Amino acid sequence: MLDQGNAFLLHLPPLPPGPQTARQTNADSGPRARTSVAPQAGGASQIRLQAAFKALNKLWQSTHAAIMTTTAHSAGVEHQIVEDAVMSDKKERCPRLKINSESCPCTYPNCPRHGLCCECIQYHRQRGELPACYFTPEEERTYNRSIEFYVHRHFKK
């Protein structure tokens, strides 16, 4: 069952009344009303079962965030691996890679688009930016690729 906080919780269905239990229902009669089971003679196994489910819920809640974080990180790593493979293939097919790489002013560490001008322009254009080749070496080292930064630096009155 999906809880309001997007965490999965285990809920035991209410036990049928029997000689070992007596039902006590809370005043809340909404869809999330809980039924508690008060032990009577011989109800120790039911208490142990409920304690085990409570412990399981706590364990799930404490590890759920870690699982989701790890999954998100893994997805990001997998995406980066695929992107690197695509860029590697494009670098193998680019006839001007060596010439472009020699004149590329980008100092961003491990830039996957270094020397691939068409990829660099597309990447920065999608983000409303300009590639490093538009900036002076001093400006390029700021890694500020915004058009506003470029206009401010080059068209001051």
N, C-alpha and C. Protein backbone atom coordinates (compact mmCIF):
# COMPACT_ATOMS: atom_id res chain seq x y z
N MET A 1 0.85 -1.17 0.00
CA MET A 1 0.00 0.00 0.00
C MET A 1 0.89 1.24 0.00
N LEU A 2 0.62 2.20 -0.86
CA LEU A 2 1.42 3.42 -0.96
C LEU A 2 0.91 4.43 0.05
N ASP A 3 1.78 4.86 0.93
CA ASP A 3 1.43 5.81 1.97
C ASP A 3 1.49 7.21 1.40
N GLN A 4 0.93 8.19 2.09
CA GLN A 4 0.91 9.57 1.62
C GLN A 4 2.31 10.11 1.39
N GLY A 5 3.29 9.70 2.15
CA GLY A 5 4.65 10.19 2.02
C GLY A 5 5.47 9.40 1.01
N ASN A 6 4.82 8.66 0.12
CA ASN A 6 5.48 7.86 -0.91
C ASN A 6 6.38 6.77 -0.33
N ALA A 7 6.13 6.37 0.88
CA ALA A 7 6.87 5.25 1.47
C ALA A 7 5.90 4.08 1.60
N PHE A 8 6.37 2.90 1.32
CA PHE A 8 5.52 1.74 1.43
C PHE A 8 5.47 1.28 2.87
N LEU A 9 4.26 1.03 3.35
CA LEU A 9 4.09 0.54 4.72
C LEU A 9 3.34 -0.79 4.66
N LEU A 10 3.68 -1.66 5.55
CA LEU A 10 2.96 -2.93 5.64
C LEU A 10 1.86 -2.79 6.68
N HIS A 11 0.66 -3.18 6.33
CA HIS A 11 -0.46 -3.13 7.27
C HIS A 11 -1.03 -4.53 7.38
N LEU A 12 -1.15 -4.99 8.58
CA LEU A 12 -1.76 -6.29 8.82
C LEU A 12 -3.26 -6.17 8.70
N PRO A 13 -3.90 -7.12 8.04
CA PRO A 13 -5.36 -7.10 8.04
C PRO A 13 -5.84 -7.44 9.45
N PRO A 14 -6.98 -6.91 9.86
CA PRO A 14 -7.48 -7.22 11.20
C PRO A 14 -7.76 -8.71 11.33
N LEU A 15 -7.42 -9.25 12.49
CA LEU A 15 -7.67 -10.67 12.75
C LEU A 15 -9.13 -10.87 13.14
N PRO A 16 -9.66 -12.02 12.76
CA PRO A 16 -11.03 -12.29 13.19
C PRO A 16 -11.05 -12.49 14.70
N PRO A 17 -12.13 -12.04 15.33
CA PRO A 17 -12.18 -12.22 16.79
C PRO A 17 -12.18 -13.71 17.13
N GLY A 18 -11.46 -14.04 18.13
CA GLY A 18 -11.36 -15.43 18.55
C GLY A 18 -11.13 -15.48 20.05
N PRO A 19 -10.91 -16.64 20.57
CA PRO A 19 -10.75 -16.77 22.01
C PRO A 19 -9.46 -16.10 22.51
N GLN A 20 -8.48 -15.88 21.61
CA GLN A 20 -7.21 -15.32 22.07
C GLN A 20 -7.14 -13.80 21.91
N THR A 21 -8.09 -13.17 21.20
CA THR A 21 -8.03 -11.73 20.98
C THR A 21 -9.37 -11.08 21.22
N ALA A 22 -9.30 -9.80 21.50
CA ALA A 22 -10.52 -8.99 21.61
C ALA A 22 -10.28 -7.74 20.78
N ARG A 23 -11.23 -7.38 19.94
CA ARG A 23 -11.06 -6.22 19.07
C ARG A 23 -11.39 -4.92 19.80
N GLN A 24 -10.56 -3.91 19.49
CA GLN A 24 -10.82 -2.56 19.98
C GLN A 24 -10.61 -1.63 18.78
N THR A 25 -11.65 -0.95 18.35
CA THR A 25 -11.54 -0.07 17.19
C THR A 25 -11.42 1.36 17.67
N ASN A 26 -10.50 2.11 17.04
CA ASN A 26 -10.32 3.52 17.38
C ASN A 26 -11.56 4.31 16.98
N ALA A 27 -11.69 5.52 17.51
CA ALA A 27 -12.85 6.37 17.23
C ALA A 27 -12.89 6.76 15.76
N ASP A 28 -11.77 6.88 15.11
CA ASP A 28 -11.71 7.25 13.70
C ASP A 28 -12.30 6.12 12.88
N SER A 29 -13.33 6.42 12.11
CA SER A 29 -13.96 5.37 11.33
C SER A 29 -13.72 5.55 9.85
N GLY A 30 -12.73 6.39 9.48
CA GLY A 30 -12.40 6.64 8.07
C GLY A 30 -11.72 5.44 7.45
N PRO A 31 -11.29 5.59 6.20
CA PRO A 31 -10.68 4.46 5.48
C PRO A 31 -9.34 4.03 6.08
N ARG A 32 -8.73 4.90 6.90
CA ARG A 32 -7.44 4.55 7.51
C ARG A 32 -7.61 4.17 8.98
N ALA A 33 -8.86 3.84 9.37
CA ALA A 33 -9.09 3.45 10.76
C ALA A 33 -8.27 2.21 11.07
N ARG A 34 -7.70 2.19 12.23
CA ARG A 34 -6.84 1.07 12.63
C ARG A 34 -7.57 0.24 13.69
N THR A 35 -7.37 -1.03 13.60
CA THR A 35 -7.93 -1.94 14.58
C THR A 35 -6.77 -2.48 15.39
N SER A 36 -6.84 -2.28 16.69
CA SER A 36 -5.77 -2.82 17.52
C SER A 36 -6.26 -4.10 18.17
N VAL A 37 -5.33 -4.95 18.40
CA VAL A 37 -5.66 -6.25 18.98
C VAL A 37 -5.09 -6.30 20.38
N ALA A 38 -5.95 -6.41 21.35
CA ALA A 38 -5.51 -6.50 22.74
C ALA A 38 -5.35 -7.97 23.09
N PRO A 39 -4.22 -8.34 23.64
CA PRO A 39 -4.00 -9.75 23.93
C PRO A 39 -4.86 -10.24 25.10
N GLN A 40 -5.27 -11.44 24.99
CA GLN A 40 -5.90 -12.13 26.09
C GLN A 40 -5.09 -13.39 26.31
N ALA A 41 -5.60 -14.32 26.96
CA ALA A 41 -4.85 -15.53 27.26
C ALA A 41 -4.37 -16.19 25.97
N GLY A 42 -3.06 -16.45 25.89
CA GLY A 42 -2.50 -17.15 24.73
C GLY A 42 -2.23 -16.25 23.53
N GLY A 43 -2.27 -14.91 23.63
CA GLY A 43 -2.08 -14.01 22.51
C GLY A 43 -0.65 -13.56 22.31
N ALA A 44 0.32 -14.21 22.92
CA ALA A 44 1.72 -13.80 22.83
C ALA A 44 2.25 -13.92 21.40
N SER A 45 1.80 -14.92 20.64
CA SER A 45 2.29 -15.07 19.28
C SER A 45 1.81 -13.92 18.40
N GLN A 46 0.61 -13.43 18.65
CA GLN A 46 0.09 -12.29 17.89
C GLN A 46 0.92 -11.03 18.20
N ILE A 47 1.31 -10.84 19.44
CA ILE A 47 2.12 -9.68 19.82
C ILE A 47 3.49 -9.77 19.15
N ARG A 48 4.08 -10.96 19.12
CA ARG A 48 5.37 -11.14 18.45
C ARG A 48 5.26 -10.86 16.95
N LEU A 49 4.17 -11.30 16.35
CA LEU A 49 3.94 -11.07 14.92
C LEU A 49 3.80 -9.58 14.63
N GLN A 50 3.04 -8.88 15.45
CA GLN A 50 2.89 -7.44 15.27
C GLN A 50 4.22 -6.71 15.49
N ALA A 51 4.99 -7.13 16.46
CA ALA A 51 6.29 -6.52 16.71
C ALA A 51 7.22 -6.75 15.52
N ALA A 52 7.14 -7.94 14.93
CA ALA A 52 7.97 -8.23 13.77
C ALA A 52 7.59 -7.34 12.60
N PHE A 53 6.29 -7.13 12.39
CA PHE A 53 5.85 -6.26 11.30
C PHE A 53 6.24 -4.80 11.57
N LYS A 54 6.17 -4.36 12.80
CA LYS A 54 6.60 -3.00 13.13
C LYS A 54 8.09 -2.84 12.85
N ALA A 55 8.87 -3.83 13.24
CA ALA A 55 10.32 -3.78 12.98
C ALA A 55 10.60 -3.79 11.48
N LEU A 56 9.83 -4.58 10.74
CA LEU A 56 9.99 -4.63 9.30
C LEU A 56 9.64 -3.29 8.66
N ASN A 57 8.57 -2.64 9.15
CA ASN A 57 8.21 -1.31 8.66
C ASN A 57 9.33 -0.31 8.91
N LYS A 58 9.87 -0.32 10.11
CA LYS A 58 10.96 0.60 10.44
C LYS A 58 12.17 0.35 9.55
N LEU A 59 12.49 -0.93 9.34
CA LEU A 59 13.62 -1.27 8.48
C LEU A 59 13.37 -0.78 7.06
N TRP A 60 12.15 -1.01 6.55
CA TRP A 60 11.83 -0.57 5.20
C TRP A 60 11.93 0.94 5.08
N GLN A 61 11.36 1.65 6.03
CA GLN A 61 11.38 3.11 5.98
C GLN A 61 12.81 3.65 6.05
N SER A 62 13.66 3.04 6.85
CA SER A 62 15.02 3.54 7.00
C SER A 62 15.87 3.23 5.77
N THR A 63 15.58 2.13 5.07
CA THR A 63 16.38 1.78 3.90
C THR A 63 15.78 2.27 2.60
N HIS A 64 14.51 2.65 2.59
CA HIS A 64 13.84 3.07 1.36
C HIS A 64 14.54 4.27 0.74
N ALA A 65 14.86 5.28 1.54
CA ALA A 65 15.53 6.48 1.02
C ALA A 65 16.90 6.11 0.45
N ALA A 66 17.63 5.24 1.14
CA ALA A 66 18.95 4.84 0.65
C ALA A 66 18.84 4.08 -0.67
N ILE A 67 17.83 3.24 -0.79
CA ILE A 67 17.62 2.48 -2.02
C ILE A 67 17.31 3.44 -3.17
N MET A 68 16.42 4.40 -2.93
CA MET A 68 16.05 5.35 -3.97
C MET A 68 17.24 6.21 -4.38
N THR A 69 18.06 6.63 -3.41
CA THR A 69 19.24 7.43 -3.72
C THR A 69 20.22 6.63 -4.55
N THR A 70 20.44 5.37 -4.17
CA THR A 70 21.36 4.51 -4.91
C THR A 70 20.85 4.26 -6.33
N THR A 71 19.55 4.05 -6.47
CA THR A 71 18.96 3.82 -7.78
C THR A 71 19.13 5.05 -8.66
N ALA A 72 18.87 6.23 -8.11
CA ALA A 72 19.03 7.47 -8.88
C ALA A 72 20.48 7.66 -9.27
N HIS A 73 21.39 7.38 -8.35
CA HIS A 73 22.82 7.52 -8.66
C HIS A 73 23.22 6.54 -9.76
N SER A 74 22.74 5.30 -9.66
CA SER A 74 23.06 4.29 -10.67
C SER A 74 22.54 4.70 -12.03
N ALA A 75 21.33 5.24 -12.07
CA ALA A 75 20.75 5.69 -13.34
C ALA A 75 21.60 6.81 -13.93
N GLY A 76 22.08 7.72 -13.08
CA GLY A 76 22.94 8.80 -13.55
C GLY A 76 24.25 8.28 -14.09
N VAL A 77 24.82 7.29 -13.41
CA VAL A 77 26.08 6.70 -13.86
C VAL A 77 25.87 5.98 -15.18
N GLU A 78 24.77 5.22 -15.30
CA GLU A 78 24.48 4.51 -16.54
C GLU A 78 24.29 5.50 -17.69
N HIS A 79 23.58 6.61 -17.43
CA HIS A 79 23.38 7.63 -18.46
C HIS A 79 24.73 8.20 -18.90
N GLN A 80 25.61 8.46 -17.96
CA GLN A 80 26.92 9.01 -18.29
C GLN A 80 27.74 8.03 -19.11
N ILE A 81 27.66 6.75 -18.79
CA ILE A 81 28.38 5.73 -19.55
C ILE A 81 27.89 5.69 -20.99
N VAL A 82 26.57 5.75 -21.18
CA VAL A 82 26.01 5.74 -22.53
C VAL A 82 26.44 7.00 -23.28
N GLU A 83 26.36 8.17 -22.62
CA GLU A 83 26.76 9.42 -23.26
C GLU A 83 28.23 9.38 -23.66
N ASP A 84 29.08 8.86 -22.79
CA ASP A 84 30.50 8.75 -23.10
C ASP A 84 30.74 7.83 -24.31
N ALA A 85 29.98 6.74 -24.39
CA ALA A 85 30.13 5.81 -25.52
C ALA A 85 29.70 6.48 -26.82
N VAL A 86 28.61 7.25 -26.78
CA VAL A 86 28.14 7.95 -27.97
C VAL A 86 29.18 8.97 -28.41
N MET A 87 29.71 9.74 -27.45
CA MET A 87 30.72 10.75 -27.80
C MET A 87 31.99 10.09 -28.34
N SER A 88 32.37 8.95 -27.79
CA SER A 88 33.55 8.24 -28.27
C SER A 88 33.36 7.83 -29.73
N ASP A 89 32.16 7.34 -30.06
CA ASP A 89 31.86 6.95 -31.44
C ASP A 89 31.92 8.16 -32.36
N LYS A 90 31.37 9.29 -31.90
CA LYS A 90 31.39 10.50 -32.72
C LYS A 90 32.82 11.01 -32.91
N LYS A 91 33.64 10.87 -31.88
CA LYS A 91 35.04 11.30 -32.00
C LYS A 91 35.78 10.45 -33.03
N GLU A 92 35.47 9.17 -33.10
CA GLU A 92 36.11 8.28 -34.07
C GLU A 92 35.72 8.65 -35.50
N ARG A 93 34.50 9.17 -35.69
CA ARG A 93 34.01 9.46 -37.03
C ARG A 93 34.26 10.90 -37.48
N CYS A 94 34.67 11.80 -36.58
CA CYS A 94 34.87 13.20 -36.94
C CYS A 94 36.21 13.37 -37.67
N PRO A 95 36.19 13.81 -38.93
CA PRO A 95 37.44 13.94 -39.68
C PRO A 95 38.28 15.14 -39.23
N ARG A 96 37.69 16.10 -38.55
CA ARG A 96 38.42 17.30 -38.13
C ARG A 96 38.74 17.30 -36.64
N LEU A 97 38.58 16.19 -35.97
CA LEU A 97 38.76 16.14 -34.52
C LEU A 97 40.14 16.65 -34.09
N LYS A 98 41.18 16.21 -34.76
CA LYS A 98 42.54 16.60 -34.36
C LYS A 98 42.74 18.11 -34.53
N ILE A 99 42.31 18.65 -35.64
CA ILE A 99 42.45 20.09 -35.89
C ILE A 99 41.61 20.89 -34.90
N ASN A 100 40.36 20.44 -34.69
CA ASN A 100 39.48 21.13 -33.75
C ASN A 100 40.02 21.08 -32.33
N SER A 101 40.54 19.94 -31.93
CA SER A 101 41.05 19.78 -30.56
C SER A 101 42.23 20.70 -30.29
N GLU A 102 43.06 20.91 -31.29
CA GLU A 102 44.23 21.78 -31.12
C GLU A 102 43.83 23.24 -30.91
N SER A 103 42.73 23.65 -31.52
CA SER A 103 42.32 25.05 -31.39
C SER A 103 41.17 25.26 -30.39
N CYS A 104 40.67 24.19 -29.78
CA CYS A 104 39.55 24.31 -28.84
C CYS A 104 40.02 24.97 -27.54
N PRO A 105 39.43 26.12 -27.16
CA PRO A 105 39.88 26.81 -25.96
C PRO A 105 39.21 26.33 -24.67
N CYS A 106 38.37 25.34 -24.75
CA CYS A 106 37.64 24.86 -23.56
C CYS A 106 38.62 24.25 -22.55
N THR A 107 38.52 24.71 -21.31
CA THR A 107 39.38 24.18 -20.25
C THR A 107 38.57 23.35 -19.25
N TYR A 108 37.30 23.06 -19.58
CA TYR A 108 36.48 22.26 -18.68
C TYR A 108 37.08 20.86 -18.60
N PRO A 109 37.36 20.38 -17.38
CA PRO A 109 38.02 19.06 -17.23
C PRO A 109 37.19 17.92 -17.81
N ASN A 110 37.82 17.08 -18.59
CA ASN A 110 37.19 15.89 -19.16
C ASN A 110 35.94 16.19 -19.98
N CYS A 111 35.93 17.31 -20.68
CA CYS A 111 34.78 17.67 -21.51
C CYS A 111 34.60 16.61 -22.61
N PRO A 112 33.42 15.95 -22.66
CA PRO A 112 33.23 14.91 -23.67
C PRO A 112 33.07 15.47 -25.08
N ARG A 113 32.84 16.79 -25.20
CA ARG A 113 32.65 17.41 -26.51
C ARG A 113 33.90 18.13 -27.01
N HIS A 114 35.01 18.01 -26.30
CA HIS A 114 36.25 18.70 -26.68
C HIS A 114 36.65 18.31 -28.10
N GLY A 115 36.72 19.31 -28.99
CA GLY A 115 37.08 19.06 -30.38
C GLY A 115 35.92 18.70 -31.28
N LEU A 116 34.76 18.46 -30.72
CA LEU A 116 33.55 18.17 -31.51
C LEU A 116 32.70 19.44 -31.55
N CYS A 117 33.07 20.35 -32.42
CA CYS A 117 32.43 21.67 -32.45
C CYS A 117 30.91 21.59 -32.63
N CYS A 118 30.46 20.73 -33.53
CA CYS A 118 29.01 20.64 -33.78
C CYS A 118 28.27 20.18 -32.52
N GLU A 119 28.83 19.23 -31.77
CA GLU A 119 28.22 18.76 -30.53
C GLU A 119 28.26 19.85 -29.46
N CYS A 120 29.38 20.57 -29.38
CA CYS A 120 29.54 21.63 -28.39
C CYS A 120 28.53 22.74 -28.62
N ILE A 121 28.39 23.16 -29.86
CA ILE A 121 27.44 24.23 -30.18
C ILE A 121 26.02 23.79 -29.86
N GLN A 122 25.67 22.57 -30.24
CA GLN A 122 24.32 22.06 -29.95
C GLN A 122 24.08 22.00 -28.44
N TYR A 123 25.04 21.50 -27.69
CA TYR A 123 24.92 21.36 -26.24
C TYR A 123 24.67 22.72 -25.59
N HIS A 124 25.49 23.70 -25.91
CA HIS A 124 25.35 25.01 -25.27
C HIS A 124 24.13 25.77 -25.79
N ARG A 125 23.79 25.59 -27.04
CA ARG A 125 22.61 26.27 -27.59
C ARG A 125 21.33 25.79 -26.90
N GLN A 126 21.23 24.50 -26.62
CA GLN A 126 20.06 23.96 -25.92
C GLN A 126 19.91 24.57 -24.53
N ARG A 127 21.00 25.05 -23.95
CA ARG A 127 20.98 25.63 -22.61
C ARG A 127 20.98 27.15 -22.62
N GLY A 128 20.86 27.75 -23.82
CA GLY A 128 20.88 29.21 -23.93
C GLY A 128 22.25 29.78 -23.62
N GLU A 129 23.29 29.06 -23.99
CA GLU A 129 24.66 29.48 -23.70
C GLU A 129 25.46 29.57 -25.00
N LEU A 130 26.69 30.03 -24.85
CA LEU A 130 27.64 30.06 -25.95
C LEU A 130 28.82 29.14 -25.61
N PRO A 131 29.45 28.54 -26.62
CA PRO A 131 30.61 27.69 -26.34
C PRO A 131 31.83 28.52 -25.96
N ALA A 132 32.85 27.86 -25.46
CA ALA A 132 34.06 28.52 -24.96
C ALA A 132 34.76 29.36 -26.01
N CYS A 133 34.65 29.00 -27.27
CA CYS A 133 35.38 29.71 -28.32
C CYS A 133 34.89 31.15 -28.52
N TYR A 134 33.79 31.52 -27.91
CA TYR A 134 33.30 32.90 -27.99
C TYR A 134 33.96 33.81 -26.95
N PHE A 135 34.63 33.23 -25.98
CA PHE A 135 35.14 34.00 -24.85
C PHE A 135 36.66 34.13 -24.89
N THR A 136 37.15 35.16 -24.22
CA THR A 136 38.59 35.31 -24.04
C THR A 136 39.05 34.22 -23.07
N PRO A 137 40.35 33.93 -23.02
CA PRO A 137 40.82 32.91 -22.07
C PRO A 137 40.45 33.24 -20.62
N GLU A 138 40.51 34.49 -20.25
CA GLU A 138 40.14 34.89 -18.89
C GLU A 138 38.66 34.63 -18.62
N GLU A 139 37.81 34.99 -19.56
CA GLU A 139 36.36 34.78 -19.42
C GLU A 139 36.01 33.30 -19.44
N GLU A 140 36.71 32.56 -20.29
CA GLU A 140 36.42 31.12 -20.42
C GLU A 140 36.68 30.38 -19.12
N ARG A 141 37.68 30.78 -18.38
CA ARG A 141 38.02 30.09 -17.13
C ARG A 141 36.96 30.26 -16.05
N THR A 142 36.03 31.19 -16.23
CA THR A 142 34.94 31.36 -15.25
C THR A 142 33.86 30.30 -15.43
N TYR A 143 33.86 29.61 -16.58
CA TYR A 143 32.84 28.63 -16.97
C TYR A 143 31.45 29.24 -17.05
N ASN A 144 31.35 30.56 -17.08
CA ASN A 144 30.07 31.23 -17.28
C ASN A 144 29.85 31.35 -18.78
N ARG A 145 28.97 30.54 -19.32
CA ARG A 145 28.73 30.49 -20.75
C ARG A 145 27.47 31.24 -21.16
N SER A 146 26.91 32.02 -20.25
CA SER A 146 25.65 32.69 -20.56
C SER A 146 25.83 33.79 -21.61
N ILE A 147 24.77 33.98 -22.40
CA ILE A 147 24.77 35.02 -23.42
C ILE A 147 24.84 36.39 -22.75
N GLU A 148 24.17 36.53 -21.61
CA GLU A 148 24.19 37.80 -20.87
C GLU A 148 25.62 38.17 -20.47
N PHE A 149 26.38 37.21 -20.00
CA PHE A 149 27.77 37.45 -19.62
C PHE A 149 28.58 37.91 -20.83
N TYR A 150 28.37 37.25 -21.96
CA TYR A 150 29.10 37.60 -23.17
C TYR A 150 28.75 39.03 -23.61
N VAL A 151 27.47 39.35 -23.66
CA VAL A 151 27.04 40.68 -24.08
C VAL A 151 27.58 41.74 -23.13
N HIS A 152 27.49 41.47 -21.85
CA HIS A 152 27.96 42.43 -20.84
C HIS A 152 29.46 42.70 -21.01
N ARG A 153 30.24 41.67 -21.27
CA ARG A 153 31.70 41.82 -21.39
C ARG A 153 32.14 42.42 -22.73
N HIS A 154 31.40 42.18 -23.79
CA HIS A 154 31.86 42.58 -25.12
C HIS A 154 31.15 43.79 -25.70
N PHE A 155 30.02 44.18 -25.16
CA PHE A 155 29.28 45.31 -25.71
C PHE A 155 28.99 46.38 -24.67
N LYS A 156 29.89 46.57 -23.73
CA LYS A 156 29.74 47.64 -22.74
C LYS A 156 29.88 48.99 -23.44
N LYS A 157 29.14 49.95 -22.95
CA LYS A 157 29.26 51.30 -23.53
C LYS A 157 30.14 52.16 -22.68
